[in-house]
Amino acid sequence: MEINGFWLLDRRETIAQSLLKNVDFKNEHHCNMKFNSPVELAEHVSNCNFRSMTCTNQGCSTVFCASHKEKHDSICPVKIIPCEQNCSNTIMRRDMDRHCITVCPMKLVSCPFYAVGCQSPIPHCKVEQHNSDDLHSHLLFVLQSIHKEASAEDLEKQLERLKKASSSSQLADARDVRSLTYAVKEIEAKLGPMEVSSKQPENFEAN
């Protein structure tokens, strides 16, 4: 029966099932089992791999056969799943990409000292810990940017002088290139000129 040119839902499903049987030669989407009695059929229907099921994820109304439940569940866009970057949040699958690149505390960001040489990608929530753990290398990067001609040995010596001349928090509290550079220059102004190792003169032999 038609209403305003459309078939009723039950009628559409019946026709769809009939058409499916005619084209599904591998029996991947419909059951071709036959039974001798209505009782046997009723017992089978409740366990048939091809019985219709509706997705139980809130907001999804997709209908599929029981044998495809796991397949659908693995791609259902509204299924709530753990964050792919292992933060403590659970997110709809369709929102995962946006979460990972915007608000996820575990999204990777550049070190605040990237501009002077620290190229370690860090989870956003661990930037403070990284700054604390890598203060020594960050100081070397900043010193190298200030004293471009100094040797690695001279920079290490200057770093030790800075540590001895500064308070425990003066350098550790600097969280980016600008603030650490300012702190270093402020301490160096009190220490005086940087101690530079004298270079050995090169010897040339006459031919």
N, C-alpha and C. Protein backbone atom coordinates (compact mmCIF):
# COMPACT_ATOMS: atom_id res chain seq x y z
N MET A 1 0.84 -1.20 0.00
CA MET A 1 0.00 0.00 0.00
C MET A 1 0.87 1.24 0.00
N GLU A 2 0.47 2.25 -0.72
CA GLU A 2 1.24 3.48 -0.80
C GLU A 2 0.51 4.62 -0.12
N ILE A 3 1.29 5.52 0.49
CA ILE A 3 0.74 6.75 1.07
C ILE A 3 1.51 7.91 0.48
N ASN A 4 0.79 8.76 -0.27
CA ASN A 4 1.43 9.92 -0.91
C ASN A 4 2.64 9.52 -1.76
N GLY A 5 2.52 8.39 -2.42
CA GLY A 5 3.59 7.98 -3.33
C GLY A 5 4.74 7.25 -2.67
N PHE A 6 4.69 6.99 -1.35
CA PHE A 6 5.78 6.31 -0.65
C PHE A 6 5.28 4.99 -0.07
N TRP A 7 6.14 3.98 -0.08
CA TRP A 7 5.80 2.72 0.55
C TRP A 7 6.00 2.84 2.05
N LEU A 8 5.19 2.10 2.80
CA LEU A 8 5.38 2.03 4.24
C LEU A 8 6.71 1.34 4.55
N LEU A 9 7.27 1.63 5.71
CA LEU A 9 8.58 1.11 6.08
C LEU A 9 8.63 -0.42 6.01
N ASP A 10 7.61 -1.07 6.55
CA ASP A 10 7.60 -2.54 6.53
C ASP A 10 7.62 -3.07 5.11
N ARG A 11 6.86 -2.40 4.22
CA ARG A 11 6.80 -2.82 2.82
C ARG A 11 8.16 -2.64 2.16
N ARG A 12 8.82 -1.53 2.47
CA ARG A 12 10.15 -1.27 1.88
C ARG A 12 11.15 -2.33 2.33
N GLU A 13 11.11 -2.70 3.61
CA GLU A 13 12.05 -3.69 4.13
C GLU A 13 11.80 -5.06 3.51
N THR A 14 10.53 -5.40 3.31
CA THR A 14 10.20 -6.69 2.70
C THR A 14 10.73 -6.77 1.27
N ILE A 15 10.55 -5.70 0.52
CA ILE A 15 11.04 -5.66 -0.86
C ILE A 15 12.56 -5.69 -0.89
N ALA A 16 13.18 -4.95 0.03
CA ALA A 16 14.65 -4.92 0.08
C ALA A 16 15.21 -6.30 0.38
N GLN A 17 14.58 -7.02 1.31
CA GLN A 17 15.04 -8.36 1.65
C GLN A 17 14.90 -9.31 0.47
N SER A 18 13.82 -9.15 -0.27
CA SER A 18 13.60 -10.00 -1.45
C SER A 18 14.65 -9.73 -2.52
N LEU A 19 14.93 -8.47 -2.76
CA LEU A 19 15.95 -8.10 -3.75
C LEU A 19 17.33 -8.59 -3.32
N LEU A 20 17.61 -8.49 -2.01
CA LEU A 20 18.91 -8.89 -1.49
C LEU A 20 19.16 -10.37 -1.73
N LYS A 21 18.14 -11.19 -1.53
CA LYS A 21 18.29 -12.63 -1.74
C LYS A 21 18.64 -12.95 -3.18
N ASN A 22 18.18 -12.11 -4.10
CA ASN A 22 18.42 -12.37 -5.53
C ASN A 22 19.83 -11.98 -5.98
N VAL A 23 20.50 -11.14 -5.20
CA VAL A 23 21.83 -10.68 -5.61
C VAL A 23 22.94 -11.13 -4.67
N ASP A 24 22.58 -11.59 -3.46
CA ASP A 24 23.59 -12.00 -2.47
C ASP A 24 23.90 -13.48 -2.65
N PHE A 25 24.66 -13.80 -3.71
CA PHE A 25 24.93 -15.19 -4.05
C PHE A 25 25.83 -15.89 -3.03
N LYS A 26 26.63 -15.13 -2.30
CA LYS A 26 27.55 -15.72 -1.33
C LYS A 26 26.93 -15.82 0.07
N ASN A 27 25.69 -15.43 0.18
CA ASN A 27 24.98 -15.49 1.47
C ASN A 27 25.72 -14.73 2.58
N GLU A 28 26.21 -13.56 2.23
CA GLU A 28 26.92 -12.74 3.21
C GLU A 28 25.98 -11.81 3.96
N HIS A 29 24.79 -11.58 3.41
CA HIS A 29 23.89 -10.60 4.01
C HIS A 29 22.48 -11.14 4.27
N HIS A 30 22.25 -12.42 4.01
CA HIS A 30 20.94 -12.98 4.33
C HIS A 30 21.08 -14.46 4.66
N CYS A 31 20.12 -14.97 5.39
CA CYS A 31 20.14 -16.37 5.81
C CYS A 31 19.33 -17.22 4.82
N ASN A 32 19.93 -18.33 4.39
CA ASN A 32 19.24 -19.20 3.43
C ASN A 32 18.83 -20.54 4.05
N MET A 33 18.87 -20.60 5.38
CA MET A 33 18.50 -21.85 6.06
C MET A 33 16.99 -22.07 5.97
N LYS A 34 16.60 -23.35 5.93
CA LYS A 34 15.18 -23.72 5.85
C LYS A 34 14.86 -24.65 7.02
N PHE A 35 13.63 -24.60 7.48
CA PHE A 35 13.22 -25.36 8.66
C PHE A 35 11.93 -26.12 8.39
N ASN A 36 11.75 -27.20 9.16
CA ASN A 36 10.60 -28.08 8.97
C ASN A 36 9.37 -27.64 9.73
N SER A 37 9.56 -26.74 10.69
CA SER A 37 8.40 -26.32 11.48
C SER A 37 8.57 -24.88 11.95
N PRO A 38 7.47 -24.22 12.25
CA PRO A 38 7.53 -22.85 12.78
C PRO A 38 8.30 -22.78 14.09
N VAL A 39 8.26 -23.86 14.87
CA VAL A 39 8.98 -23.87 16.16
C VAL A 39 10.48 -23.79 15.93
N GLU A 40 10.97 -24.60 14.99
CA GLU A 40 12.40 -24.58 14.67
C GLU A 40 12.82 -23.21 14.15
N LEU A 41 11.98 -22.63 13.30
CA LEU A 41 12.26 -21.31 12.75
C LEU A 41 12.34 -20.26 13.86
N ALA A 42 11.38 -20.32 14.81
CA ALA A 42 11.36 -19.35 15.91
C ALA A 42 12.60 -19.47 16.78
N GLU A 43 13.05 -20.70 17.01
CA GLU A 43 14.25 -20.92 17.82
C GLU A 43 15.49 -20.36 17.12
N HIS A 44 15.51 -20.51 15.81
CA HIS A 44 16.67 -20.04 15.05
C HIS A 44 16.72 -18.51 14.95
N VAL A 45 15.56 -17.90 14.77
CA VAL A 45 15.50 -16.45 14.54
C VAL A 45 16.21 -15.66 15.64
N SER A 46 16.03 -16.09 16.89
CA SER A 46 16.61 -15.33 18.01
C SER A 46 18.13 -15.41 18.05
N ASN A 47 18.71 -16.39 17.34
CA ASN A 47 20.17 -16.55 17.33
C ASN A 47 20.79 -16.41 15.94
N CYS A 48 19.98 -16.15 14.97
CA CYS A 48 20.48 -16.08 13.59
C CYS A 48 21.49 -14.95 13.42
N ASN A 49 22.58 -15.27 12.76
CA ASN A 49 23.61 -14.26 12.52
C ASN A 49 23.14 -13.14 11.61
N PHE A 50 22.02 -13.37 10.93
CA PHE A 50 21.52 -12.36 10.00
C PHE A 50 20.28 -11.63 10.54
N ARG A 51 19.99 -11.82 11.82
CA ARG A 51 18.87 -11.09 12.42
C ARG A 51 19.21 -9.60 12.47
N SER A 52 18.21 -8.77 12.31
CA SER A 52 18.43 -7.32 12.31
C SER A 52 18.73 -6.81 13.71
N MET A 53 19.70 -5.91 13.78
CA MET A 53 20.06 -5.26 15.04
C MET A 53 20.21 -3.76 14.79
N THR A 54 19.95 -3.00 15.83
CA THR A 54 20.14 -1.55 15.74
C THR A 54 21.30 -1.16 16.64
N CYS A 55 22.16 -0.30 16.17
CA CYS A 55 23.33 0.14 16.94
C CYS A 55 22.88 0.69 18.30
N THR A 56 23.58 0.29 19.35
CA THR A 56 23.23 0.72 20.70
C THR A 56 23.97 1.99 21.14
N ASN A 57 24.87 2.48 20.29
CA ASN A 57 25.57 3.72 20.64
C ASN A 57 24.61 4.90 20.56
N GLN A 58 24.59 5.71 21.61
CA GLN A 58 23.65 6.83 21.67
C GLN A 58 23.86 7.78 20.49
N GLY A 59 22.77 8.03 19.76
CA GLY A 59 22.84 8.94 18.62
C GLY A 59 22.98 8.24 17.29
N CYS A 60 23.13 6.90 17.31
CA CYS A 60 23.25 6.14 16.05
C CYS A 60 22.03 5.23 15.90
N SER A 61 21.42 5.25 14.73
CA SER A 61 20.23 4.41 14.48
C SER A 61 20.48 3.43 13.33
N THR A 62 21.74 3.17 13.04
CA THR A 62 22.08 2.26 11.94
C THR A 62 21.57 0.85 12.24
N VAL A 63 20.99 0.22 11.22
CA VAL A 63 20.50 -1.15 11.33
C VAL A 63 21.42 -2.06 10.53
N PHE A 64 21.78 -3.20 11.10
CA PHE A 64 22.68 -4.14 10.43
C PHE A 64 22.36 -5.54 10.92
N CYS A 65 22.90 -6.55 10.25
CA CYS A 65 22.68 -7.92 10.72
C CYS A 65 23.68 -8.23 11.83
N ALA A 66 23.33 -9.18 12.68
CA ALA A 66 24.12 -9.48 13.88
C ALA A 66 25.58 -9.80 13.55
N SER A 67 25.81 -10.46 12.43
CA SER A 67 27.18 -10.84 12.08
C SER A 67 28.07 -9.64 11.76
N HIS A 68 27.46 -8.48 11.53
CA HIS A 68 28.22 -7.27 11.20
C HIS A 68 28.31 -6.30 12.38
N LYS A 69 27.89 -6.76 13.55
CA LYS A 69 27.87 -5.87 14.72
C LYS A 69 29.27 -5.34 15.05
N GLU A 70 30.26 -6.23 15.12
CA GLU A 70 31.62 -5.80 15.46
C GLU A 70 32.19 -4.87 14.40
N LYS A 71 31.91 -5.18 13.14
CA LYS A 71 32.41 -4.34 12.05
C LYS A 71 31.85 -2.93 12.16
N HIS A 72 30.54 -2.83 12.41
CA HIS A 72 29.94 -1.50 12.55
C HIS A 72 30.49 -0.79 13.78
N ASP A 73 30.62 -1.53 14.88
CA ASP A 73 31.09 -0.92 16.12
C ASP A 73 32.48 -0.33 15.95
N SER A 74 33.28 -0.94 15.06
CA SER A 74 34.66 -0.47 14.87
C SER A 74 34.73 0.82 14.05
N ILE A 75 33.62 1.19 13.40
CA ILE A 75 33.62 2.41 12.59
C ILE A 75 32.50 3.38 12.96
N CYS A 76 31.65 3.00 13.91
CA CYS A 76 30.52 3.86 14.27
C CYS A 76 31.01 5.25 14.67
N PRO A 77 30.55 6.29 13.99
CA PRO A 77 31.08 7.64 14.24
C PRO A 77 30.72 8.23 15.59
N VAL A 78 29.68 7.71 16.25
CA VAL A 78 29.29 8.28 17.54
C VAL A 78 29.70 7.41 18.73
N LYS A 79 30.40 6.34 18.47
CA LYS A 79 30.87 5.49 19.58
C LYS A 79 31.86 6.28 20.43
N ILE A 80 31.73 6.17 21.74
CA ILE A 80 32.65 6.83 22.66
C ILE A 80 33.86 5.93 22.85
N ILE A 81 35.04 6.46 22.55
CA ILE A 81 36.27 5.66 22.63
C ILE A 81 37.36 6.44 23.38
N PRO A 82 38.37 5.73 23.90
CA PRO A 82 39.48 6.40 24.59
C PRO A 82 40.28 7.26 23.62
N CYS A 83 40.87 8.31 24.12
CA CYS A 83 41.70 9.19 23.30
C CYS A 83 42.84 8.41 22.65
N GLU A 84 43.06 8.64 21.37
CA GLU A 84 44.11 7.95 20.63
C GLU A 84 45.51 8.36 21.09
N GLN A 85 45.60 9.49 21.78
CA GLN A 85 46.91 9.97 22.26
C GLN A 85 47.10 9.67 23.75
N ASN A 86 46.19 8.82 24.27
CA ASN A 86 46.30 8.31 25.64
C ASN A 86 46.14 9.34 26.74
N CYS A 87 45.36 10.40 26.47
CA CYS A 87 44.99 11.26 27.59
C CYS A 87 43.83 10.58 28.31
N SER A 88 43.35 11.14 29.39
CA SER A 88 42.32 10.48 30.20
C SER A 88 40.90 10.65 29.66
N ASN A 89 40.74 11.39 28.58
CA ASN A 89 39.40 11.68 28.06
C ASN A 89 38.87 10.56 27.16
N THR A 90 37.54 10.47 27.08
CA THR A 90 36.88 9.61 26.10
C THR A 90 36.07 10.52 25.18
N ILE A 91 36.11 10.22 23.87
CA ILE A 91 35.55 11.13 22.87
C ILE A 91 34.80 10.33 21.82
N MET A 92 33.80 10.96 21.20
CA MET A 92 33.14 10.35 20.04
C MET A 92 34.17 10.14 18.94
N ARG A 93 34.07 9.01 18.25
CA ARG A 93 35.03 8.71 17.19
C ARG A 93 35.10 9.84 16.15
N ARG A 94 33.95 10.40 15.79
CA ARG A 94 33.94 11.43 14.75
C ARG A 94 34.62 12.73 15.21
N ASP A 95 34.77 12.90 16.53
CA ASP A 95 35.40 14.12 17.06
C ASP A 95 36.87 13.91 17.43
N MET A 96 37.39 12.70 17.19
CA MET A 96 38.73 12.36 17.66
C MET A 96 39.81 13.24 17.05
N ASP A 97 39.79 13.42 15.73
CA ASP A 97 40.84 14.21 15.07
C ASP A 97 40.88 15.63 15.61
N ARG A 98 39.70 16.23 15.75
CA ARG A 98 39.64 17.60 16.26
C ARG A 98 40.17 17.67 17.70
N HIS A 99 39.80 16.69 18.51
CA HIS A 99 40.28 16.66 19.90
C HIS A 99 41.80 16.58 19.95
N CYS A 100 42.35 15.67 19.12
CA CYS A 100 43.80 15.41 19.17
C CYS A 100 44.64 16.62 18.76
N ILE A 101 44.12 17.45 17.87
CA ILE A 101 44.93 18.58 17.39
C ILE A 101 44.56 19.91 18.04
N THR A 102 43.55 19.90 18.92
CA THR A 102 43.15 21.18 19.54
C THR A 102 43.28 21.15 21.06
N VAL A 103 42.45 20.37 21.74
CA VAL A 103 42.39 20.47 23.20
C VAL A 103 43.05 19.32 23.95
N CYS A 104 43.50 18.30 23.27
CA CYS A 104 44.09 17.15 23.97
C CYS A 104 45.35 17.56 24.73
N PRO A 105 45.43 17.27 26.03
CA PRO A 105 46.64 17.63 26.79
C PRO A 105 47.88 16.86 26.34
N MET A 106 47.67 15.78 25.58
CA MET A 106 48.81 15.00 25.10
C MET A 106 49.22 15.35 23.67
N LYS A 107 48.61 16.37 23.09
CA LYS A 107 49.00 16.75 21.72
C LYS A 107 50.45 17.23 21.74
N LEU A 108 51.19 16.90 20.70
CA LEU A 108 52.60 17.27 20.63
C LEU A 108 52.75 18.73 20.22
N VAL A 109 53.62 19.43 20.95
CA VAL A 109 53.92 20.83 20.64
C VAL A 109 55.43 21.01 20.59
N SER A 110 55.86 22.11 20.01
CA SER A 110 57.29 22.40 19.95
C SER A 110 57.76 22.92 21.30
N CYS A 111 59.00 22.63 21.62
CA CYS A 111 59.61 23.15 22.85
C CYS A 111 59.65 24.67 22.79
N PRO A 112 59.44 25.37 23.92
CA PRO A 112 59.53 26.83 23.95
C PRO A 112 60.91 27.34 23.52
N PHE A 113 61.90 26.44 23.51
CA PHE A 113 63.26 26.83 23.13
C PHE A 113 63.63 26.29 21.74
N TYR A 114 62.60 26.01 20.95
CA TYR A 114 62.79 25.50 19.59
C TYR A 114 63.63 26.46 18.75
N ALA A 115 63.40 27.76 18.92
CA ALA A 115 64.07 28.76 18.08
C ALA A 115 65.58 28.78 18.26
N VAL A 116 66.06 28.32 19.43
CA VAL A 116 67.52 28.34 19.66
C VAL A 116 68.13 26.94 19.56
N GLY A 117 67.31 25.93 19.25
CA GLY A 117 67.92 24.63 18.98
C GLY A 117 67.28 23.40 19.57
N CYS A 118 66.39 23.54 20.56
CA CYS A 118 65.76 22.35 21.15
C CYS A 118 64.57 21.94 20.29
N GLN A 119 64.72 20.87 19.56
CA GLN A 119 63.69 20.46 18.60
C GLN A 119 62.90 19.24 19.07
N SER A 120 62.87 19.01 20.37
CA SER A 120 62.12 17.87 20.91
C SER A 120 60.62 18.16 20.92
N PRO A 121 59.81 17.33 20.24
CA PRO A 121 58.36 17.49 20.36
C PRO A 121 57.92 16.99 21.73
N ILE A 122 57.01 17.72 22.39
CA ILE A 122 56.63 17.41 23.76
C ILE A 122 55.11 17.39 23.89
N PRO A 123 54.55 16.45 24.66
CA PRO A 123 53.12 16.54 24.97
C PRO A 123 52.84 17.87 25.68
N HIS A 124 51.75 18.51 25.30
CA HIS A 124 51.43 19.84 25.83
C HIS A 124 51.42 19.86 27.35
N CYS A 125 50.93 18.80 27.96
CA CYS A 125 50.81 18.77 29.42
C CYS A 125 52.15 18.57 30.13
N LYS A 126 53.21 18.29 29.36
CA LYS A 126 54.51 18.02 29.98
C LYS A 126 55.57 19.07 29.64
N VAL A 127 55.13 20.22 29.13
CA VAL A 127 56.08 21.28 28.77
C VAL A 127 56.84 21.76 30.00
N GLU A 128 56.13 21.98 31.10
CA GLU A 128 56.78 22.47 32.32
C GLU A 128 57.82 21.47 32.81
N GLN A 129 57.47 20.20 32.79
CA GLN A 129 58.41 19.16 33.22
C GLN A 129 59.63 19.13 32.30
N HIS A 130 59.40 19.26 31.00
CA HIS A 130 60.50 19.27 30.04
C HIS A 130 61.43 20.45 30.31
N ASN A 131 60.86 21.63 30.53
CA ASN A 131 61.68 22.81 30.80
C ASN A 131 62.55 22.61 32.03
N SER A 132 61.99 21.96 33.04
CA SER A 132 62.75 21.71 34.26
C SER A 132 63.83 20.66 34.04
N ASP A 133 63.46 19.55 33.37
CA ASP A 133 64.42 18.46 33.15
C ASP A 133 65.54 18.85 32.20
N ASP A 134 65.26 19.74 31.24
CA ASP A 134 66.24 20.08 30.21
C ASP A 134 66.80 21.49 30.37
N LEU A 135 66.79 22.02 31.59
CA LEU A 135 67.30 23.37 31.82
C LEU A 135 68.75 23.50 31.38
N HIS A 136 69.56 22.48 31.65
CA HIS A 136 70.98 22.53 31.29
C HIS A 136 71.16 22.73 29.78
N SER A 137 70.48 21.91 28.99
CA SER A 137 70.63 22.03 27.53
C SER A 137 70.03 23.33 27.02
N HIS A 138 68.94 23.79 27.62
CA HIS A 138 68.35 25.07 27.20
C HIS A 138 69.30 26.23 27.48
N LEU A 139 69.99 26.16 28.62
CA LEU A 139 70.98 27.20 28.94
C LEU A 139 72.11 27.21 27.92
N LEU A 140 72.55 26.02 27.53
CA LEU A 140 73.61 25.95 26.52
C LEU A 140 73.15 26.54 25.19
N PHE A 141 71.92 26.24 24.81
CA PHE A 141 71.39 26.79 23.56
C PHE A 141 71.35 28.32 23.61
N VAL A 142 70.90 28.87 24.74
CA VAL A 142 70.81 30.33 24.88
C VAL A 142 72.21 30.95 24.89
N LEU A 143 73.13 30.34 25.63
CA LEU A 143 74.51 30.85 25.66
C LEU A 143 75.13 30.83 24.27
N GLN A 144 74.84 29.77 23.53
CA GLN A 144 75.38 29.66 22.17
C GLN A 144 74.82 30.75 21.27
N SER A 145 73.56 31.13 21.49
CA SER A 145 72.96 32.19 20.67
C SER A 145 73.53 33.57 21.04
N ILE A 146 73.98 33.71 22.29
CA ILE A 146 74.57 34.98 22.73
C ILE A 146 76.04 35.07 22.34
N HIS A 147 76.76 33.97 22.59
CA HIS A 147 78.21 33.94 22.33
C HIS A 147 78.46 32.99 21.16
N LYS A 148 78.17 33.44 19.97
CA LYS A 148 78.20 32.57 18.79
C LYS A 148 79.59 32.03 18.46
N GLU A 149 80.64 32.76 18.85
CA GLU A 149 81.99 32.34 18.50
C GLU A 149 82.64 31.49 19.58
N ALA A 150 81.99 31.32 20.71
CA ALA A 150 82.59 30.59 21.83
C ALA A 150 82.61 29.09 21.55
N SER A 151 83.62 28.42 22.12
CA SER A 151 83.73 26.97 21.96
C SER A 151 82.77 26.27 22.91
N ALA A 152 82.52 24.99 22.66
CA ALA A 152 81.64 24.21 23.52
C ALA A 152 82.18 24.15 24.94
N GLU A 153 83.50 24.06 25.05
CA GLU A 153 84.13 24.01 26.38
C GLU A 153 83.91 25.31 27.14
N ASP A 154 84.09 26.44 26.46
CA ASP A 154 83.89 27.75 27.10
C ASP A 154 82.43 27.93 27.52
N LEU A 155 81.51 27.45 26.70
CA LEU A 155 80.09 27.58 27.02
C LEU A 155 79.73 26.76 28.27
N GLU A 156 80.31 25.58 28.39
CA GLU A 156 80.06 24.75 29.57
C GLU A 156 80.60 25.43 30.83
N LYS A 157 81.78 26.04 30.71
CA LYS A 157 82.36 26.74 31.87
C LYS A 157 81.49 27.94 32.26
N GLN A 158 81.01 28.67 31.25
CA GLN A 158 80.17 29.82 31.54
C GLN A 158 78.85 29.39 32.17
N LEU A 159 78.35 28.25 31.73
CA LEU A 159 77.10 27.74 32.30
C LEU A 159 77.27 27.46 33.79
N GLU A 160 78.40 26.85 34.16
CA GLU A 160 78.66 26.57 35.57
C GLU A 160 78.80 27.86 36.37
N ARG A 161 79.43 28.87 35.79
CA ARG A 161 79.54 30.17 36.46
C ARG A 161 78.16 30.77 36.70
N LEU A 162 77.29 30.66 35.69
CA LEU A 162 75.94 31.19 35.82
C LEU A 162 75.17 30.50 36.95
N LYS A 163 75.29 29.19 37.01
CA LYS A 163 74.57 28.43 38.03
C LYS A 163 75.03 28.82 39.43
N LYS A 164 76.34 29.00 39.59
CA LYS A 164 76.88 29.36 40.90
C LYS A 164 76.49 30.78 41.31
N ALA A 165 76.35 31.65 40.33
CA ALA A 165 76.08 33.06 40.62
C ALA A 165 74.59 33.38 40.74
N SER A 166 73.73 32.44 40.38
CA SER A 166 72.29 32.71 40.38
C SER A 166 71.60 31.99 41.53
N SER A 167 70.40 32.46 41.85
CA SER A 167 69.59 31.78 42.86
C SER A 167 69.01 30.51 42.25
N SER A 168 68.48 29.65 43.09
CA SER A 168 67.96 28.37 42.60
C SER A 168 66.81 28.52 41.61
N SER A 169 66.08 29.63 41.71
CA SER A 169 64.91 29.81 40.86
C SER A 169 65.11 30.80 39.72
N GLN A 170 66.17 31.59 39.77
CA GLN A 170 66.34 32.67 38.79
C GLN A 170 66.37 32.14 37.36
N LEU A 171 67.06 31.04 37.15
CA LEU A 171 67.14 30.45 35.81
C LEU A 171 66.00 29.45 35.57
N ALA A 172 65.67 28.69 36.61
CA ALA A 172 64.63 27.66 36.46
C ALA A 172 63.26 28.25 36.17
N ASP A 173 63.02 29.47 36.63
CA ASP A 173 61.71 30.10 36.42
C ASP A 173 61.52 30.65 35.01
N ALA A 174 62.61 30.76 34.26
CA ALA A 174 62.51 31.27 32.88
C ALA A 174 61.95 30.16 31.99
N ARG A 175 60.83 30.42 31.33
CA ARG A 175 60.12 29.38 30.61
C ARG A 175 60.14 29.52 29.09
N ASP A 176 60.89 30.51 28.57
CA ASP A 176 60.99 30.64 27.12
C ASP A 176 62.31 31.33 26.79
N VAL A 177 62.61 31.44 25.50
CA VAL A 177 63.89 31.98 25.05
C VAL A 177 64.10 33.40 25.57
N ARG A 178 63.08 34.21 25.46
CA ARG A 178 63.21 35.62 25.85
C ARG A 178 63.53 35.78 27.33
N SER A 179 62.78 35.10 28.18
CA SER A 179 62.98 35.25 29.62
C SER A 179 64.30 34.64 30.08
N LEU A 180 64.71 33.52 29.48
CA LEU A 180 65.98 32.91 29.88
C LEU A 180 67.16 33.74 29.38
N THR A 181 67.04 34.28 28.17
CA THR A 181 68.10 35.15 27.65
C THR A 181 68.27 36.38 28.53
N TYR A 182 67.16 36.95 28.96
CA TYR A 182 67.21 38.13 29.84
C TYR A 182 67.89 37.76 31.17
N ALA A 183 67.52 36.61 31.74
CA ALA A 183 68.11 36.18 33.02
C ALA A 183 69.61 35.94 32.88
N VAL A 184 70.02 35.31 31.77
CA VAL A 184 71.44 35.03 31.54
C VAL A 184 72.23 36.33 31.41
N LYS A 185 71.73 37.26 30.62
CA LYS A 185 72.44 38.53 30.42
C LYS A 185 72.51 39.33 31.71
N GLU A 186 71.48 39.24 32.53
CA GLU A 186 71.47 39.95 33.81
C GLU A 186 72.55 39.41 34.73
N ILE A 187 72.70 38.10 34.77
CA ILE A 187 73.73 37.48 35.61
C ILE A 187 75.11 37.76 35.04
N GLU A 188 75.25 37.67 33.71
CA GLU A 188 76.55 37.91 33.08
C GLU A 188 77.02 39.35 33.31
N ALA A 189 76.09 40.28 33.40
CA ALA A 189 76.46 41.68 33.65
C ALA A 189 77.14 41.82 35.01
N LYS A 190 76.75 40.97 35.96
CA LYS A 190 77.37 41.00 37.29
C LYS A 190 78.68 40.22 37.33
N LEU A 191 78.76 39.18 36.50
CA LEU A 191 79.96 38.35 36.48
C LEU A 191 81.13 38.98 35.74
N GLY A 192 80.83 39.85 34.81
CA GLY A 192 81.88 40.42 33.98
C GLY A 192 82.06 39.62 32.71
N PRO A 193 83.07 39.96 31.91
CA PRO A 193 83.28 39.31 30.61
C PRO A 193 83.40 37.79 30.72
N MET A 194 82.91 37.12 29.71
CA MET A 194 82.99 35.66 29.67
C MET A 194 84.44 35.23 29.51
N GLU A 195 84.82 34.20 30.25
CA GLU A 195 86.19 33.68 30.16
C GLU A 195 86.31 32.81 28.91
N VAL A 196 87.24 33.19 28.06
CA VAL A 196 87.43 32.47 26.80
C VAL A 196 88.81 31.85 26.77
N SER A 197 88.88 30.57 26.44
CA SER A 197 90.17 29.89 26.37
C SER A 197 90.99 30.45 25.22
N SER A 198 92.27 30.65 25.47
CA SER A 198 93.15 31.17 24.41
C SER A 198 93.41 30.06 23.40
N LYS A 199 93.37 30.42 22.13
CA LYS A 199 93.61 29.44 21.08
C LYS A 199 95.10 29.28 20.84
N GLN A 200 95.53 28.06 20.62
CA GLN A 200 96.93 27.79 20.32
C GLN A 200 97.25 28.28 18.91
N PRO A 201 98.36 29.03 18.76
CA PRO A 201 98.73 29.50 17.42
C PRO A 201 99.08 28.34 16.50
N GLU A 202 98.70 28.45 15.27
CA GLU A 202 98.99 27.39 14.31
C GLU A 202 100.44 27.51 13.83
N ASN A 203 101.09 26.37 13.68
CA ASN A 203 102.48 26.35 13.21
C ASN A 203 102.51 26.02 11.73
N PHE A 204 103.23 26.82 10.99
CA PHE A 204 103.36 26.58 9.55
C PHE A 204 104.83 26.30 9.24
N GLU A 205 105.09 25.29 8.48
CA GLU A 205 106.46 24.94 8.10
C GLU A 205 106.76 25.49 6.71
N ALA A 206 107.97 26.03 6.59
CA ALA A 206 108.39 26.56 5.28
C ALA A 206 108.69 25.39 4.35
N ASN A 207 108.30 25.55 3.11
CA ASN A 207 108.58 24.50 2.13
C ASN A 207 110.05 24.55 1.74
